[in-house]
Amino acid sequence: MAFEIGDKVIYPNHGLGIVERIETKTIMGTTCGFYQLRMANETTVFVPVDNVDGVGLRRAITDAEVERLFELLGDGQIESHQNWKGRFKDNSDRMRTGSIYDVVEVLKSLTFLSKSKSLSFREKRMLDRAKFLVVSEITEVLAEKTPQVEDKVEKALERCFATKARNAAKAKANPPVKAAVAAPVAPPAYVPAAVVAAPKVAVAPAPKVAPPPPAKVAAPAAKVAPPPAKVAVAAPKAAPKAVAAKPAPARQNGSSARTNGAPARPAAAAARPAARPAAAPVRAAAKPARAAARVAASRRARAS
């Protein structure tokens, strides 16, 4: 940005100045052009022509921008940090930009904060510098006296604080209602393109047909136990014939032979062996019959 002699310019953190001369100087073996500025406090400042954008040198605002500046001063929007380090860093960066609108934000923030707590020494100096920059530029543009401009700035700040208080009271009386979070909707199922493109065909409803009567189911026949198997019973074998025992020979020792009852003992001994063979076949024949009876009883139990 190029300036001419007589232009009113704003040097960041120093305020309003007037370009008095444009000259070339050689400093430390380097020759370049300089703007010679006369500031409001009669201080002379040299700004390199090639470094105008770097230092933030700009022209003063116009009359239309003054109206916008007062609207910004009284809009009720104030940015304030509770952390001192973060607040001081942000305000310092705004002061170095050279923009009058950034300086106004610093002025509102620190003025509002000073009404509730005491400022540190560095923040007090920054507040005084911000107020001086705003008042001096408006005074030069409107060609009014400094006390009148200061009074306008103070009224705009009071309007800003009152608007902020009203907004805070409304927000407290009518807290914002939290919107209900809708449940996530499942994505639609994939439908083939052929199915979507097919036209809809009306289909007549099928006539209602009475269901057939239930078929009669015959009851299952009762299980009948098979008749017991006939077991052949072997006839008992005939008892063997009794064999007549021969009489014992008479003793040869000279004694008389015993004839009373001697033959009876051999006959009884022969009769006993004959009875035993007759009972054994009967028991053997009874075993198959009992086994067949047990088999028939188990079959009847399973059938029931």
Foldseek 3Di string as FASTA:
>chain_A
DDDDFQFWKAFFLQAIWGFHDWDWDADPNDIFIWTWTQGPVRDTDTDTPVCCVVRQIGGFDAPVVVVVLLCLLQVQDADEDPDPVVRVVQLVVLSRNRDLSSLSNLLLHLVVVCVPDPDDPVSVVSNVSSLCNNLRSVCVNVVHDSVVSSVSSVVSSVNNNVVNVVVVVVCVVDPDDDDDDDDDDDDDDDDDPVVVPDDDDDDDDDDDDDDDDDDDDDDDDQDDQDDQDDDDQDDFDQFDDQDQDDQDDADPPPDDRDDPPRRVVVRVVSVVVRVVSRVVSVVVRVVVVVVSVVVSVVSVVVSD
